[in-house]
Amino acid sequence: MKLNRNDNVELRNRILNMTPNQRKELGINKSTLWCIKKNLSEGKIQKVLILLD
């Protein structure tokens, strides 16, 4: 079974491994990042719409 993904694995890993300092620099709330990480690890998010650059 093949899943169609709209984002790449590198981006998912970057979000999952984000440090608190990186989060603060990007202006992402702690709870928002927690929810995104939780949903990514459970496979619930189909698209990642955060600018990380």
PDB file of N, CA and C in Angstrom:
ATOM      1  N   MET A   1       0.841  -1.180   0.000  1.00  0.00           N
ATOM      2  CA  MET A   1       0.000   0.000   0.000  1.00  0.00           C
ATOM      3  C   MET A   1       0.883   1.239   0.000  1.00  0.00           C
ATOM      4  N   LYS A   2       0.669   2.125  -0.927  1.00  0.00           N
ATOM      5  CA  LYS A   2       1.462   3.343  -1.034  1.00  0.00           C
ATOM      6  C   LYS A   2       0.618   4.542  -0.626  1.00  0.00           C
ATOM      7  N   LEU A   3       1.195   5.391   0.220  1.00  0.00           N
ATOM      8  CA  LEU A   3       0.511   6.601   0.661  1.00  0.00           C
ATOM      9  C   LEU A   3       0.952   7.784  -0.191  1.00  0.00           C
ATOM     10  N   ASN A   4       0.013   8.611  -0.564  1.00  0.00           N
ATOM     11  CA  ASN A   4       0.339   9.857  -1.260  1.00  0.00           C
ATOM     12  C   ASN A   4       0.581  10.929  -0.211  1.00  0.00           C
ATOM     13  N   ARG A   5       1.792  11.472  -0.190  1.00  0.00           N
ATOM     14  CA  ARG A   5       2.128  12.493   0.783  1.00  0.00           C
ATOM     15  C   ARG A   5       2.385  13.803   0.062  1.00  0.00           C
ATOM     16  N   ASN A   6       1.943  14.885   0.686  1.00  0.00           N
ATOM     17  CA  ASN A   6       2.094  16.203   0.085  1.00  0.00           C
ATOM     18  C   ASN A   6       3.331  16.938   0.593  1.00  0.00           C
ATOM     19  N   ASP A   7       4.015  16.376   1.543  1.00  0.00           N
ATOM     20  CA  ASP A   7       5.254  16.983   2.037  1.00  0.00           C
ATOM     21  C   ASP A   7       6.321  15.898   2.057  1.00  0.00           C
ATOM     22  N   ASN A   8       7.551  16.310   2.194  1.00  0.00           N
ATOM     23  CA  ASN A   8       8.609  15.315   2.162  1.00  0.00           C
ATOM     24  C   ASN A   8       9.010  14.880   3.570  1.00  0.00           C
ATOM     25  N   VAL A   9       9.711  13.790   3.629  1.00  0.00           N
ATOM     26  CA  VAL A   9      10.112  13.194   4.898  1.00  0.00           C
ATOM     27  C   VAL A   9      11.085  14.116   5.637  1.00  0.00           C
ATOM     28  N   GLU A  10      11.920  14.815   4.885  1.00  0.00           N
ATOM     29  CA  GLU A  10      12.895  15.719   5.499  1.00  0.00           C
ATOM     30  C   GLU A  10      12.193  16.817   6.304  1.00  0.00           C
ATOM     31  N   LEU A  11      11.136  17.378   5.755  1.00  0.00           N
ATOM     32  CA  LEU A  11      10.386  18.422   6.446  1.00  0.00           C
ATOM     33  C   LEU A  11       9.731  17.877   7.707  1.00  0.00           C
ATOM     34  N   ARG A  12       9.144  16.692   7.618  1.00  0.00           N
ATOM     35  CA  ARG A  12       8.538  16.067   8.796  1.00  0.00           C
ATOM     36  C   ARG A  12       9.575  15.855   9.887  1.00  0.00           C
ATOM     37  N   ASN A  13      10.749  15.346   9.510  1.00  0.00           N
ATOM     38  CA  ASN A  13      11.811  15.106  10.488  1.00  0.00           C
ATOM     39  C   ASN A  13      12.304  16.407  11.094  1.00  0.00           C
ATOM     40  N   ARG A  14      12.367  17.449  10.296  1.00  0.00           N
ATOM     41  CA  ARG A  14      12.809  18.748  10.805  1.00  0.00           C
ATOM     42  C   ARG A  14      11.849  19.273  11.879  1.00  0.00           C
ATOM     43  N   ILE A  15      10.560  19.094  11.645  1.00  0.00           N
ATOM     44  CA  ILE A  15       9.564  19.530  12.635  1.00  0.00           C
ATOM     45  C   ILE A  15       9.632  18.657  13.876  1.00  0.00           C
ATOM     46  N   LEU A  16       9.728  17.348  13.696  1.00  0.00           N
ATOM     47  CA  LEU A  16       9.762  16.442  14.836  1.00  0.00           C
ATOM     48  C   LEU A  16      11.004  16.642  15.701  1.00  0.00           C
ATOM     49  N   ASN A  17      12.094  17.111  15.112  1.00  0.00           N
ATOM     50  CA  ASN A  17      13.344  17.299  15.851  1.00  0.00           C
ATOM     51  C   ASN A  17      13.617  18.758  16.227  1.00  0.00           C
ATOM     52  N   MET A  18      12.611  19.609  16.088  1.00  0.00           N
ATOM     53  CA  MET A  18      12.784  21.037  16.350  1.00  0.00           C
ATOM     54  C   MET A  18      13.045  21.291  17.837  1.00  0.00           C
ATOM     55  N   THR A  19      14.028  22.141  18.098  1.00  0.00           N
ATOM     56  CA  THR A  19      14.354  22.492  19.477  1.00  0.00           C
ATOM     57  C   THR A  19      13.504  23.678  19.935  1.00  0.00           C
ATOM     58  N   PRO A  20      13.418  23.897  21.239  1.00  0.00           N
ATOM     59  CA  PRO A  20      12.671  25.057  21.741  1.00  0.00           C
ATOM     60  C   PRO A  20      13.195  26.385  21.205  1.00  0.00           C
ATOM     61  N   ASN A  21      14.500  26.515  21.038  1.00  0.00           N
ATOM     62  CA  ASN A  21      15.064  27.762  20.508  1.00  0.00           C
ATOM     63  C   ASN A  21      14.666  27.995  19.061  1.00  0.00           C
ATOM     64  N   GLN A  22      14.652  26.937  18.259  1.00  0.00           N
ATOM     65  CA  GLN A  22      14.213  27.056  16.865  1.00  0.00           C
ATOM     66  C   GLN A  22      12.747  27.461  16.810  1.00  0.00           C
ATOM     67  N   ARG A  23      11.952  26.869  17.683  1.00  0.00           N
ATOM     68  CA  ARG A  23      10.525  27.187  17.740  1.00  0.00           C
ATOM     69  C   ARG A  23      10.314  28.655  18.055  1.00  0.00           C
ATOM     70  N   LYS A  24      11.057  29.170  19.025  1.00  0.00           N
ATOM     71  CA  LYS A  24      10.933  30.576  19.412  1.00  0.00           C
ATOM     72  C   LYS A  24      11.352  31.506  18.283  1.00  0.00           C
ATOM     73  N   GLU A  25      12.436  31.159  17.580  1.00  0.00           N
ATOM     74  CA  GLU A  25      12.905  31.990  16.464  1.00  0.00           C
ATOM     75  C   GLU A  25      11.865  32.078  15.348  1.00  0.00           C
ATOM     76  N   LEU A  26      11.115  31.002  15.162  1.00  0.00           N
ATOM     77  CA  LEU A  26      10.100  30.970  14.104  1.00  0.00           C
ATOM     78  C   LEU A  26       8.762  31.531  14.567  1.00  0.00           C
ATOM     79  N   GLY A  27       8.639  31.818  15.867  1.00  0.00           N
ATOM     80  CA  GLY A  27       7.407  32.391  16.389  1.00  0.00           C
ATOM     81  C   GLY A  27       6.276  31.385  16.520  1.00  0.00           C
ATOM     82  N   ILE A  28       6.620  30.120  16.743  1.00  0.00           N
ATOM     83  CA  ILE A  28       5.616  29.070  16.896  1.00  0.00           C
ATOM     84  C   ILE A  28       5.365  28.850  18.379  1.00  0.00           C
ATOM     85  N   ASN A  29       4.091  28.860  18.775  1.00  0.00           N
ATOM     86  CA  ASN A  29       3.740  28.607  20.166  1.00  0.00           C
ATOM     87  C   ASN A  29       4.110  27.182  20.563  1.00  0.00           C
ATOM     88  N   LYS A  30       4.424  27.018  21.846  1.00  0.00           N
ATOM     89  CA  LYS A  30       4.803  25.714  22.378  1.00  0.00           C
ATOM     90  C   LYS A  30       3.688  24.683  22.167  1.00  0.00           C
ATOM     91  N   SER A  31       2.461  25.080  22.455  1.00  0.00           N
ATOM     92  CA  SER A  31       1.338  24.148  22.320  1.00  0.00           C
ATOM     93  C   SER A  31       1.055  23.816  20.852  1.00  0.00           C
ATOM     94  N   THR A  32       1.267  24.778  19.973  1.00  0.00           N
ATOM     95  CA  THR A  32       1.058  24.540  18.546  1.00  0.00           C
ATOM     96  C   THR A  32       2.049  23.506  18.036  1.00  0.00           C
ATOM     97  N   LEU A  33       3.314  23.667  18.405  1.00  0.00           N
ATOM     98  CA  LEU A  33       4.331  22.714  17.979  1.00  0.00           C
ATOM     99  C   LEU A  33       4.045  21.334  18.555  1.00  0.00           C
ATOM    100  N   TRP A  34       3.603  21.286  19.800  1.00  0.00           N
ATOM    101  CA  TRP A  34       3.272  20.008  20.434  1.00  0.00           C
ATOM    102  C   TRP A  34       2.178  19.287  19.649  1.00  0.00           C
ATOM    103  N   CYS A  35       1.137  20.024  19.277  1.00  0.00           N
ATOM    104  CA  CYS A  35       0.028  19.431  18.512  1.00  0.00           C
ATOM    105  C   CYS A  35       0.482  18.967  17.132  1.00  0.00           C
ATOM    106  N   ILE A  36       1.308  19.771  16.471  1.00  0.00           N
ATOM    107  CA  ILE A  36       1.810  19.398  15.148  1.00  0.00           C
ATOM    108  C   ILE A  36       2.652  18.122  15.250  1.00  0.00           C
ATOM    109  N   LYS A  37       3.546  18.065  16.239  1.00  0.00           N
ATOM    110  CA  LYS A  37       4.384  16.881  16.417  1.00  0.00           C
ATOM    111  C   LYS A  37       3.535  15.650  16.704  1.00  0.00           C
ATOM    112  N   LYS A  38       2.544  15.799  17.556  1.00  0.00           N
ATOM    113  CA  LYS A  38       1.663  14.687  17.907  1.00  0.00           C
ATOM    114  C   LYS A  38       0.937  14.173  16.671  1.00  0.00           C
ATOM    115  N   ASN A  39       0.358  15.085  15.894  1.00  0.00           N
ATOM    116  CA  ASN A  39      -0.385  14.687  14.702  1.00  0.00           C
ATOM    117  C   ASN A  39       0.524  14.095  13.625  1.00  0.00           C
ATOM    118  N   LEU A  40       1.723  14.637  13.477  1.00  0.00           N
ATOM    119  CA  LEU A  40       2.662  14.075  12.505  1.00  0.00           C
ATOM    120  C   LEU A  40       3.047  12.651  12.879  1.00  0.00           C
ATOM    121  N   SER A  41       3.338  12.434  14.159  1.00  0.00           N
ATOM    122  CA  SER A  41       3.757  11.100  14.583  1.00  0.00           C
ATOM    123  C   SER A  41       2.626  10.088  14.475  1.00  0.00           C
ATOM    124  N   GLU A  42       1.380  10.555  14.568  1.00  0.00           N
ATOM    125  CA  GLU A  42       0.228   9.661  14.432  1.00  0.00           C
ATOM    126  C   GLU A  42      -0.247   9.547  12.988  1.00  0.00           C
ATOM    127  N   GLY A  43       0.380  10.315  12.084  1.00  0.00           N
ATOM    128  CA  GLY A  43       0.022  10.254  10.677  1.00  0.00           C
ATOM    129  C   GLY A  43      -1.266  10.972  10.331  1.00  0.00           C
ATOM    130  N   LYS A  44      -1.703  11.907  11.159  1.00  0.00           N
ATOM    131  CA  LYS A  44      -2.965  12.606  10.937  1.00  0.00           C
ATOM    132  C   LYS A  44      -2.842  13.810  10.015  1.00  0.00           C
ATOM    133  N   ILE A  45      -1.676  14.400   9.923  1.00  0.00           N
ATOM    134  CA  ILE A  45      -1.500  15.599   9.103  1.00  0.00           C
ATOM    135  C   ILE A  45      -1.112  15.183   7.689  1.00  0.00           C
ATOM    136  N   GLN A  46      -1.862  15.665   6.721  1.00  0.00           N
ATOM    137  CA  GLN A  46      -1.568  15.367   5.328  1.00  0.00           C
ATOM    138  C   GLN A  46      -0.656  16.420   4.707  1.00  0.00           C
ATOM    139  N   LYS A  47      -0.799  17.671   5.126  1.00  0.00           N
ATOM    140  CA  LYS A  47       0.017  18.759   4.591  1.00  0.00           C
ATOM    141  C   LYS A  47       0.647  19.522   5.740  1.00  0.00           C
ATOM    142  N   VAL A  48       1.863  19.965   5.538  1.00  0.00           N
ATOM    143  CA  VAL A  48       2.548  20.798   6.515  1.00  0.00           C
ATOM    144  C   VAL A  48       2.623  22.185   5.929  1.00  0.00           C
ATOM    145  N   LEU A  49       1.995  23.144   6.580  1.00  0.00           N
ATOM    146  CA  LEU A  49       1.875  24.486   6.032  1.00  0.00           C
ATOM    147  C   LEU A  49       2.651  25.525   6.833  1.00  0.00           C
ATOM    148  N   ILE A  50       3.808  25.163   7.316  1.00  0.00           N
ATOM    149  CA  ILE A  50       4.627  26.072   8.117  1.00  0.00           C
ATOM    150  C   ILE A  50       5.884  26.435   7.319  1.00  0.00           C
ATOM    151  N   LEU A  51       6.209  27.708   7.278  1.00  0.00           N
ATOM    152  CA  LEU A  51       7.444  28.156   6.639  1.00  0.00           C
ATOM    153  C   LEU A  51       8.572  28.033   7.651  1.00  0.00           C
ATOM    154  N   LEU A  52       9.592  27.265   7.323  1.00  0.00           N
ATOM    155  CA  LEU A  52      10.687  27.038   8.259  1.00  0.00           C
ATOM    156  C   LEU A  52      11.961  27.745   7.848  1.00  0.00           C
ATOM    157  N   ASP A  53      11.941  28.542   6.800  1.00  0.00           N
ATOM    158  CA  ASP A  53      13.157  29.218   6.360  1.00  0.00           C
ATOM    159  C   ASP A  53      13.126  30.675   6.716  1.00  0.00           C
TER     160      ASP A  53
END
